[in-house]
N, C-alpha and C. Protein backbone atom coordinates (compact mmCIF):
# COMPACT_ATOMS: atom_id res chain seq x y z
N GLU A 1 50.63 62.01 93.05
CA GLU A 1 49.73 62.57 92.05
C GLU A 1 48.24 62.41 92.56
N ALA A 2 47.93 61.29 93.16
CA ALA A 2 46.57 61.18 93.61
C ALA A 2 46.33 62.20 94.82
N LEU A 3 47.30 62.33 95.59
CA LEU A 3 47.16 63.40 96.68
C LEU A 3 47.06 64.84 95.99
N LEU A 4 47.79 65.10 95.03
CA LEU A 4 47.62 66.42 94.36
C LEU A 4 46.20 66.59 93.72
N GLU A 5 45.72 65.49 93.27
CA GLU A 5 44.36 65.54 92.65
C GLU A 5 43.27 65.88 93.79
N LEU A 6 43.46 65.33 94.93
CA LEU A 6 42.51 65.65 96.06
C LEU A 6 42.74 66.81 96.82
N ARG A 7 43.99 67.38 96.72
CA ARG A 7 44.37 68.57 97.57
C ARG A 7 43.36 69.73 97.56
N PRO A 8 43.13 70.28 96.27
CA PRO A 8 42.23 71.37 96.28
C PRO A 8 40.79 71.10 96.84
N LEU A 9 40.20 69.96 96.65
CA LEU A 9 39.02 69.64 97.30
C LEU A 9 39.10 69.57 98.74
N LEU A 10 40.20 69.00 99.27
CA LEU A 10 40.40 68.87 100.77
C LEU A 10 40.47 70.24 101.35
N LEU A 11 41.40 71.20 100.75
CA LEU A 11 41.60 72.48 101.39
C LEU A 11 40.47 73.34 101.32
N ALA A 12 39.51 73.04 100.30
CA ALA A 12 38.25 73.81 100.22
C ALA A 12 37.28 73.44 101.30
N SER A 13 37.43 72.18 101.69
CA SER A 13 36.35 71.76 102.70
C SER A 13 36.81 71.68 104.13
N ARG A 14 38.05 71.38 104.32
CA ARG A 14 38.56 71.13 105.70
C ARG A 14 39.99 71.51 105.92
N PRO A 15 40.45 71.89 107.06
CA PRO A 15 41.90 72.11 107.26
C PRO A 15 42.71 70.80 107.45
N LEU A 16 43.94 70.76 107.03
CA LEU A 16 44.67 69.58 107.19
C LEU A 16 44.79 69.01 108.65
N ASP A 17 44.56 69.85 109.52
CA ASP A 17 44.59 69.47 111.05
C ASP A 17 43.43 68.54 111.30
N ASP A 18 42.39 68.56 110.51
CA ASP A 18 41.23 67.66 110.71
C ASP A 18 41.49 66.24 110.03
N VAL A 19 42.55 66.02 109.42
CA VAL A 19 42.85 64.74 108.91
C VAL A 19 43.13 63.83 109.99
N GLU A 20 42.42 62.60 109.94
CA GLU A 20 42.46 61.59 110.90
C GLU A 20 43.51 60.53 110.47
N GLU A 21 43.36 60.14 109.20
CA GLU A 21 44.30 59.10 108.63
C GLU A 21 44.45 59.29 107.15
N ILE A 22 45.73 59.01 106.59
CA ILE A 22 45.94 58.99 105.22
C ILE A 22 46.45 57.54 104.89
N VAL A 23 45.68 56.84 104.12
CA VAL A 23 46.04 55.51 103.69
C VAL A 23 46.62 55.60 102.31
N VAL A 24 47.91 55.19 102.15
CA VAL A 24 48.50 55.19 100.83
C VAL A 24 48.76 53.66 100.45
N ALA A 25 48.13 53.35 99.27
CA ALA A 25 48.26 51.91 98.72
C ALA A 25 49.25 52.07 97.65
N ILE A 26 50.36 51.27 97.65
CA ILE A 26 51.41 51.41 96.70
C ILE A 26 51.95 49.88 96.33
N HIS A 27 52.78 49.98 95.32
CA HIS A 27 53.42 48.77 94.72
C HIS A 27 54.08 47.97 95.87
N PRO A 28 54.10 46.64 95.71
CA PRO A 28 54.84 45.79 96.78
C PRO A 28 56.35 46.15 96.96
N ASP A 29 57.05 46.63 96.03
CA ASP A 29 58.41 47.02 96.12
C ASP A 29 58.63 48.30 96.84
N ALA A 30 57.51 49.10 96.98
CA ALA A 30 57.73 50.42 97.82
C ALA A 30 57.01 50.39 99.16
N VAL A 31 56.26 49.35 99.51
CA VAL A 31 55.38 49.29 100.75
C VAL A 31 56.28 49.38 101.91
N LYS A 32 57.54 48.89 101.87
CA LYS A 32 58.46 48.90 102.98
C LYS A 32 59.03 50.42 103.23
N LEU A 33 58.78 51.35 102.39
CA LEU A 33 59.23 52.78 102.59
C LEU A 33 58.35 53.57 103.47
N ASP A 34 58.06 52.99 104.59
CA ASP A 34 57.00 53.57 105.55
C ASP A 34 57.50 54.29 106.66
N GLY A 35 58.85 54.65 106.64
CA GLY A 35 59.43 55.34 107.91
C GLY A 35 58.72 56.72 108.06
N ARG A 36 58.36 56.89 109.24
CA ARG A 36 57.61 58.11 109.63
C ARG A 36 58.51 59.22 110.27
N GLU A 37 59.76 58.88 110.45
CA GLU A 37 60.72 59.71 111.08
C GLU A 37 62.04 59.77 110.27
N PRO A 38 61.99 60.26 109.04
CA PRO A 38 63.20 60.32 108.33
C PRO A 38 64.32 61.18 108.94
N GLU A 39 65.54 60.76 109.12
CA GLU A 39 66.55 61.54 109.88
C GLU A 39 67.24 62.55 108.88
N THR A 40 67.26 62.26 107.57
CA THR A 40 67.89 63.17 106.64
C THR A 40 67.05 63.49 105.51
N THR A 41 67.48 64.45 104.71
CA THR A 41 66.68 64.84 103.54
C THR A 41 66.65 63.74 102.50
N LEU A 42 67.80 62.94 102.41
CA LEU A 42 67.75 61.87 101.48
C LEU A 42 66.76 60.79 101.97
N ALA A 43 66.64 60.51 103.31
CA ALA A 43 65.80 59.50 103.88
C ALA A 43 64.33 60.00 103.52
N ALA A 44 64.13 61.24 103.65
CA ALA A 44 62.78 61.81 103.31
C ALA A 44 62.31 61.47 102.03
N ARG A 45 63.17 61.35 101.02
CA ARG A 45 62.79 61.08 99.58
C ARG A 45 62.40 59.59 99.41
N PHE A 46 62.73 58.82 100.45
CA PHE A 46 62.43 57.43 100.46
C PHE A 46 61.38 57.07 101.59
N SER A 47 60.67 58.05 102.05
CA SER A 47 59.65 57.85 103.05
C SER A 47 58.24 58.27 102.46
N VAL A 48 57.32 57.21 102.22
CA VAL A 48 56.14 57.43 101.81
C VAL A 48 55.38 58.39 102.75
N PRO A 49 55.42 58.18 104.04
CA PRO A 49 54.76 59.16 104.93
C PRO A 49 55.19 60.65 104.80
N HIS A 50 56.53 60.79 104.63
CA HIS A 50 56.99 62.21 104.40
C HIS A 50 56.50 62.75 103.06
N ILE A 51 56.64 61.95 101.98
CA ILE A 51 56.15 62.40 100.67
C ILE A 51 54.73 62.79 100.68
N ALA A 52 53.96 61.94 101.32
CA ALA A 52 52.49 62.21 101.42
C ALA A 52 52.19 63.50 102.19
N ALA A 53 52.79 63.58 103.39
CA ALA A 53 52.56 64.77 104.28
C ALA A 53 53.15 65.98 103.58
N ALA A 54 54.30 66.04 102.99
CA ALA A 54 54.89 67.19 102.43
C ALA A 54 54.04 67.66 101.17
N THR A 55 53.67 66.71 100.47
CA THR A 55 52.85 66.88 99.19
C THR A 55 51.60 67.60 99.60
N LEU A 56 50.81 67.03 100.66
CA LEU A 56 49.64 67.79 101.07
C LEU A 56 49.83 69.06 101.64
N HIS A 57 50.79 69.23 102.38
CA HIS A 57 51.15 70.52 103.05
C HIS A 57 51.58 71.57 101.97
N HIS A 58 52.54 71.18 101.16
CA HIS A 58 53.17 72.20 100.21
C HIS A 58 52.34 72.27 98.84
N GLY A 59 51.68 71.24 98.46
CA GLY A 59 51.01 71.24 97.08
C GLY A 59 51.96 70.79 96.07
N HIS A 60 53.11 70.22 96.45
CA HIS A 60 54.09 69.67 95.39
C HIS A 60 54.99 68.74 96.08
N ALA A 61 55.78 67.97 95.34
CA ALA A 61 56.73 67.16 95.88
C ALA A 61 58.18 67.58 95.27
N GLY A 62 58.29 68.87 95.06
CA GLY A 62 59.55 69.37 94.47
C GLY A 62 60.66 69.41 95.59
N ALA A 63 61.75 69.99 95.28
CA ALA A 63 62.88 70.01 96.05
C ALA A 63 62.64 70.50 97.52
N THR A 64 61.86 71.64 97.60
CA THR A 64 61.67 72.20 98.96
C THR A 64 60.85 71.31 99.78
N ALA A 65 60.10 70.31 99.24
CA ALA A 65 59.38 69.44 100.05
C ALA A 65 60.35 68.47 100.84
N PHE A 66 61.62 68.54 100.45
CA PHE A 66 62.54 67.56 101.14
C PHE A 66 63.74 68.31 101.73
N CYS A 67 63.58 69.60 101.99
CA CYS A 67 64.62 70.42 102.62
C CYS A 67 64.56 70.13 104.07
N SER A 68 65.59 70.51 104.80
CA SER A 68 65.76 70.41 106.28
C SER A 68 64.57 71.01 106.99
N ALA A 69 64.17 72.29 106.54
CA ALA A 69 63.10 72.98 107.29
C ALA A 69 61.75 72.18 107.19
N THR A 70 61.51 71.56 106.08
CA THR A 70 60.35 70.75 105.84
C THR A 70 60.38 69.50 106.75
N LEU A 71 61.57 68.99 106.79
CA LEU A 71 61.76 67.80 107.67
C LEU A 71 61.46 68.06 109.05
N ALA A 72 61.74 69.25 109.55
CA ALA A 72 61.54 69.58 110.90
C ALA A 72 60.24 70.27 111.25
N ALA A 73 59.43 70.52 110.13
CA ALA A 73 58.15 71.33 110.36
C ALA A 73 57.20 70.52 111.16
N PRO A 74 56.64 71.07 112.26
CA PRO A 74 55.74 70.26 113.06
C PRO A 74 54.46 69.82 112.44
N ALA A 75 53.90 70.73 111.53
CA ALA A 75 52.67 70.35 110.82
C ALA A 75 52.88 69.17 109.91
N ILE A 76 54.01 69.14 109.22
CA ILE A 76 54.30 67.88 108.33
C ILE A 76 54.66 66.79 109.23
N ALA A 77 55.34 66.79 110.40
CA ALA A 77 55.52 65.64 111.18
C ALA A 77 54.20 65.07 111.71
N ARG A 78 53.28 66.01 112.07
CA ARG A 78 52.01 65.48 112.52
C ARG A 78 51.28 64.71 111.37
N LEU A 79 51.39 65.19 110.20
CA LEU A 79 50.72 64.51 109.05
C LEU A 79 51.41 63.15 108.76
N ARG A 80 52.78 63.23 108.91
CA ARG A 80 53.53 61.91 108.66
C ARG A 80 52.99 60.83 109.53
N HIS A 81 52.70 61.16 110.73
CA HIS A 81 52.26 60.11 111.71
C HIS A 81 50.75 59.68 111.50
N LYS A 82 50.12 60.39 110.58
CA LYS A 82 48.76 59.88 110.22
C LYS A 82 48.79 59.01 109.00
N VAL A 83 49.90 58.83 108.40
CA VAL A 83 50.00 57.96 107.14
C VAL A 83 50.15 56.52 107.44
N ARG A 84 49.39 55.69 106.77
CA ARG A 84 49.49 54.28 106.92
C ARG A 84 49.66 53.81 105.49
N VAL A 85 50.80 53.11 105.31
CA VAL A 85 51.24 52.52 103.88
C VAL A 85 50.78 51.02 103.90
N VAL A 86 49.97 50.71 102.86
CA VAL A 86 49.42 49.50 102.55
C VAL A 86 49.74 49.02 101.11
N LEU A 87 49.51 47.68 100.92
CA LEU A 87 49.85 47.11 99.63
C LEU A 87 48.74 47.39 98.60
N PHE A 88 48.99 47.92 97.41
CA PHE A 88 48.03 48.07 96.36
C PHE A 88 47.73 46.64 95.79
N ASP A 89 46.43 46.38 95.56
CA ASP A 89 46.00 45.24 94.95
C ASP A 89 46.38 45.23 93.53
N MET A 90 47.53 44.54 93.24
CA MET A 90 48.12 44.53 91.86
C MET A 90 47.20 43.86 90.75
N THR A 91 46.17 43.12 91.20
CA THR A 91 45.25 42.47 90.32
C THR A 91 44.36 43.69 89.65
N GLN A 92 44.43 44.80 90.29
CA GLN A 92 43.66 46.01 89.82
C GLN A 92 44.49 46.93 88.94
N ALA A 93 45.80 46.51 88.77
CA ALA A 93 46.69 47.45 88.09
C ALA A 93 46.70 47.41 86.48
N GLY A 94 46.12 46.42 86.02
CA GLY A 94 46.01 46.35 84.56
C GLY A 94 47.29 46.21 83.93
N GLY A 95 48.36 45.72 84.53
CA GLY A 95 49.63 45.47 83.93
C GLY A 95 50.56 46.68 84.12
N HIS A 96 50.10 47.78 84.75
CA HIS A 96 50.94 48.92 85.08
C HIS A 96 51.82 48.52 86.25
N LYS A 97 52.95 49.05 86.24
CA LYS A 97 54.00 48.71 87.37
C LYS A 97 53.86 49.51 88.59
N TRP A 98 53.45 50.85 88.57
CA TRP A 98 53.53 51.69 89.78
C TRP A 98 52.18 52.39 90.07
N PRO A 99 51.13 51.52 90.20
CA PRO A 99 49.92 52.13 90.57
C PRO A 99 49.91 52.64 92.06
N ALA A 100 49.01 53.50 92.42
CA ALA A 100 48.90 53.98 93.81
C ALA A 100 47.35 54.52 94.02
N ALA A 101 46.98 54.43 95.23
CA ALA A 101 45.75 54.94 95.55
C ALA A 101 45.95 55.59 97.02
N VAL A 102 45.12 56.59 97.24
CA VAL A 102 45.16 57.29 98.52
C VAL A 102 43.66 57.44 99.04
N GLU A 103 43.61 57.35 100.32
CA GLU A 103 42.40 57.52 100.99
C GLU A 103 42.68 58.45 102.15
N ILE A 104 41.93 59.58 102.22
CA ILE A 104 42.14 60.55 103.28
C ILE A 104 40.79 60.57 104.17
N ARG A 105 40.99 60.24 105.44
CA ARG A 105 39.84 60.17 106.29
C ARG A 105 39.96 61.37 107.27
N PHE A 106 38.81 62.06 107.44
CA PHE A 106 38.72 63.21 108.31
C PHE A 106 37.89 62.84 109.56
N ARG A 107 38.15 63.65 110.60
CA ARG A 107 37.31 63.46 111.85
C ARG A 107 35.92 63.63 111.36
N GLY A 108 35.04 62.88 111.94
CA GLY A 108 33.63 63.00 111.59
C GLY A 108 33.25 61.94 110.48
N GLY A 109 34.12 61.26 109.97
CA GLY A 109 33.81 60.32 108.91
C GLY A 109 33.97 60.71 107.40
N GLU A 110 34.18 61.97 107.10
CA GLU A 110 34.36 62.27 105.73
C GLU A 110 35.59 61.66 105.20
N VAL A 111 35.42 61.12 103.90
CA VAL A 111 36.54 60.27 103.24
C VAL A 111 36.59 60.79 101.81
N HIS A 112 37.85 60.92 101.39
CA HIS A 112 38.14 61.29 99.98
C HIS A 112 39.17 60.27 99.43
N ARG A 113 38.95 59.90 98.13
CA ARG A 113 39.77 58.85 97.61
C ARG A 113 40.25 59.29 96.16
N ALA A 114 41.41 58.87 95.88
CA ALA A 114 41.88 59.10 94.40
C ALA A 114 42.93 57.91 94.17
N ARG A 115 42.96 57.65 92.92
CA ARG A 115 44.00 56.59 92.51
C ARG A 115 44.58 56.84 91.15
N ARG A 116 45.73 56.50 91.03
CA ARG A 116 46.58 56.63 89.73
C ARG A 116 47.02 55.19 89.30
N ILE A 117 46.59 54.75 88.22
CA ILE A 117 47.15 53.51 87.75
C ILE A 117 48.46 53.59 87.16
N GLU A 118 48.81 54.72 86.59
CA GLU A 118 50.20 54.91 86.02
C GLU A 118 50.65 56.21 86.46
N ALA A 119 51.86 56.37 86.99
CA ALA A 119 52.51 57.67 87.36
C ALA A 119 52.85 58.45 86.07
N ARG A 120 52.61 59.76 86.34
CA ARG A 120 53.10 60.64 85.24
C ARG A 120 54.71 60.44 85.04
N GLY A 121 55.10 60.52 83.83
CA GLY A 121 56.42 60.27 83.50
C GLY A 121 56.63 58.86 82.86
N GLY A 122 55.70 58.06 82.97
CA GLY A 122 55.74 56.73 82.41
C GLY A 122 55.48 56.80 80.92
N HIS A 123 55.41 55.68 80.30
CA HIS A 123 55.21 55.66 78.86
C HIS A 123 53.81 56.11 78.46
N GLY A 124 52.80 55.87 79.29
CA GLY A 124 51.49 56.25 78.89
C GLY A 124 51.15 57.65 79.16
N GLU A 125 51.96 58.30 80.07
CA GLU A 125 51.64 59.64 80.40
C GLU A 125 52.99 60.45 80.68
N PRO A 126 53.66 60.73 79.58
CA PRO A 126 54.97 61.45 79.79
C PRO A 126 54.85 62.86 80.37
N HIS A 127 55.78 63.32 81.02
CA HIS A 127 55.75 64.67 81.51
C HIS A 127 55.80 65.60 80.49
N PRO A 128 54.97 66.70 80.59
CA PRO A 128 55.00 67.83 79.54
C PRO A 128 56.37 68.43 79.68
N LEU A 129 56.87 68.89 78.53
CA LEU A 129 58.18 69.48 78.54
C LEU A 129 58.28 70.71 79.46
N GLU A 130 57.26 71.61 79.55
CA GLU A 130 57.30 72.72 80.44
C GLU A 130 57.50 72.21 81.95
N ASP A 131 56.83 71.14 82.26
CA ASP A 131 57.06 70.62 83.69
C ASP A 131 58.53 70.24 84.02
N ILE A 132 59.12 69.71 82.90
CA ILE A 132 60.51 69.23 83.08
C ILE A 132 61.36 70.41 83.23
N LEU A 133 61.10 71.46 82.39
CA LEU A 133 61.91 72.68 82.48
C LEU A 133 61.70 73.45 83.74
N ARG A 134 60.53 73.41 84.31
CA ARG A 134 60.32 74.07 85.64
C ARG A 134 61.07 73.39 86.71
N LYS A 135 61.12 72.04 86.67
CA LYS A 135 61.89 71.23 87.54
C LYS A 135 63.38 71.56 87.49
N VAL A 136 63.92 71.88 86.25
CA VAL A 136 65.39 72.18 85.97
C VAL A 136 65.51 73.51 86.72
N ASP A 137 64.60 74.45 86.58
CA ASP A 137 64.63 75.79 87.19
C ASP A 137 64.76 75.71 88.61
N ASP A 138 63.83 74.76 89.22
CA ASP A 138 63.74 74.65 90.63
C ASP A 138 65.04 74.07 91.34
N LEU A 139 65.60 73.18 90.59
CA LEU A 139 66.79 72.45 91.13
C LEU A 139 68.10 73.23 90.88
N SER A 140 68.06 74.03 89.79
CA SER A 140 69.39 74.65 89.44
C SER A 140 69.46 76.13 89.58
N SER A 141 68.41 76.84 90.08
CA SER A 141 68.38 78.30 89.95
C SER A 141 69.38 78.93 91.09
N ALA A 142 69.51 78.22 92.19
CA ALA A 142 70.38 78.80 93.23
C ALA A 142 71.88 78.60 92.80
N PRO A 143 72.24 77.33 92.51
CA PRO A 143 73.70 77.19 92.23
C PRO A 143 74.07 77.58 90.78
N TYR A 144 73.13 77.48 89.84
CA TYR A 144 73.44 77.91 88.43
C TYR A 144 72.30 78.74 87.88
N PRO A 145 72.24 79.96 88.19
CA PRO A 145 71.07 80.83 87.91
C PRO A 145 70.76 80.89 86.28
N ARG A 146 71.70 80.66 85.41
CA ARG A 146 71.40 80.73 83.99
C ARG A 146 71.14 79.38 83.42
N PHE A 147 71.20 78.34 84.21
CA PHE A 147 71.15 77.02 83.58
C PHE A 147 69.72 76.84 82.97
N GLY A 148 68.66 77.14 83.66
CA GLY A 148 67.32 77.08 83.03
C GLY A 148 67.04 77.68 81.78
N THR A 149 67.67 78.94 81.62
CA THR A 149 67.60 79.69 80.44
C THR A 149 68.43 78.95 79.31
N VAL A 150 69.62 78.49 79.62
CA VAL A 150 70.31 77.77 78.65
C VAL A 150 69.65 76.42 78.19
N MET A 151 69.03 75.73 79.10
CA MET A 151 68.28 74.60 78.75
C MET A 151 67.10 74.83 77.83
N ARG A 152 66.42 75.93 78.16
CA ARG A 152 65.30 76.37 77.23
C ARG A 152 65.86 76.68 75.79
N GLU A 153 67.02 77.36 75.75
CA GLU A 153 67.63 77.69 74.43
C GLU A 153 67.99 76.33 73.75
N LEU A 154 68.50 75.38 74.54
CA LEU A 154 68.94 74.19 73.84
C LEU A 154 67.72 73.41 73.40
N VAL A 155 66.59 73.47 74.11
CA VAL A 155 65.35 72.77 73.65
C VAL A 155 64.85 73.46 72.40
N ALA A 156 64.85 74.80 72.35
CA ALA A 156 64.53 75.55 71.13
C ALA A 156 65.35 75.22 69.98
N LEU A 157 66.51 74.75 70.10
CA LEU A 157 67.42 74.27 69.02
C LEU A 157 67.26 72.83 68.65
N ALA A 158 66.41 72.17 69.42
CA ALA A 158 66.22 70.72 69.12
C ALA A 158 66.19 70.23 67.70
N PRO A 159 65.46 71.04 66.75
CA PRO A 159 65.45 70.54 65.43
C PRO A 159 66.95 70.49 64.77
N LYS A 160 67.82 71.19 65.29
CA LYS A 160 69.11 71.24 64.73
C LYS A 160 69.93 70.05 65.32
N TRP A 161 69.52 69.41 66.42
CA TRP A 161 70.39 68.44 67.18
C TRP A 161 70.91 67.32 66.30
N MET A 162 70.16 66.80 65.30
CA MET A 162 70.54 65.81 64.48
C MET A 162 71.67 66.18 63.53
N ASP A 163 71.75 67.49 63.30
CA ASP A 163 72.79 67.97 62.27
C ASP A 163 73.92 68.72 62.85
N ALA A 164 73.86 69.06 64.07
CA ALA A 164 74.99 69.97 64.59
C ALA A 164 75.74 69.26 65.78
N PRO A 165 77.00 69.45 65.91
CA PRO A 165 77.69 68.95 66.99
C PRO A 165 77.35 69.67 68.32
N TRP A 166 77.24 68.87 69.47
CA TRP A 166 76.83 69.44 70.74
C TRP A 166 77.52 70.69 71.11
N PRO A 167 78.90 70.73 71.04
CA PRO A 167 79.63 72.04 71.45
C PRO A 167 79.03 73.17 70.69
N ASP A 168 78.71 73.06 69.44
CA ASP A 168 78.16 74.19 68.62
C ASP A 168 76.76 74.62 69.25
N LEU A 169 76.03 73.67 69.55
CA LEU A 169 74.65 73.94 70.07
C LEU A 169 74.78 74.68 71.46
N VAL A 170 75.58 74.17 72.38
CA VAL A 170 75.84 74.85 73.67
C VAL A 170 76.32 76.33 73.40
N PHE A 171 77.34 76.45 72.50
CA PHE A 171 77.85 77.75 72.19
C PHE A 171 76.66 78.67 71.76
N GLU A 172 75.92 78.21 70.76
CA GLU A 172 74.82 79.08 70.23
C GLU A 172 73.85 79.35 71.37
N ALA A 173 73.56 78.48 72.31
CA ALA A 173 72.61 78.67 73.34
C ALA A 173 73.10 79.63 74.48
N THR A 174 74.41 79.76 74.55
CA THR A 174 74.96 80.54 75.68
C THR A 174 75.50 81.82 75.12
N ALA A 175 75.58 82.02 73.83
CA ALA A 175 76.24 83.17 73.29
C ALA A 175 75.47 84.44 73.55
N GLY A 176 74.14 84.34 73.69
CA GLY A 176 73.30 85.46 73.99
C GLY A 176 73.38 86.01 75.27
């Protein structure tokens, strides 16, 4: 999220090829996830360098940021090797569990920084419903093309959830 905050500013001023180093400061439990050469798409999901590189390159950390083509993309591989994972100073976290900070250094000395004390999706900053539904679409559209539509219908029926059996709601959502 800190990278996404910086990305528009970065792309407006410099190409990603000018990045010299990306320093990602994260929680002690995640600092070991520093593999720069993930061998599988699953390993990429647990590689902070890949997550940072793919997010900067694609502008998101959605499903396509972890596909085989992204894993093999030379531009993303170059960025992965510029990522250094360090420990976030948890005394600065204010009790939040998953803070993060990023510093992007360009050739010539230009530096951009951003930090997030709490990740979106946590108690203090829940994901907006539309973001969740877009993710459902992203993950399900190929194998289950109607699933996103059905989920939206089910969400629209939410006020009835307390009074109606689940099978009735699914039938109502899929009948159209």
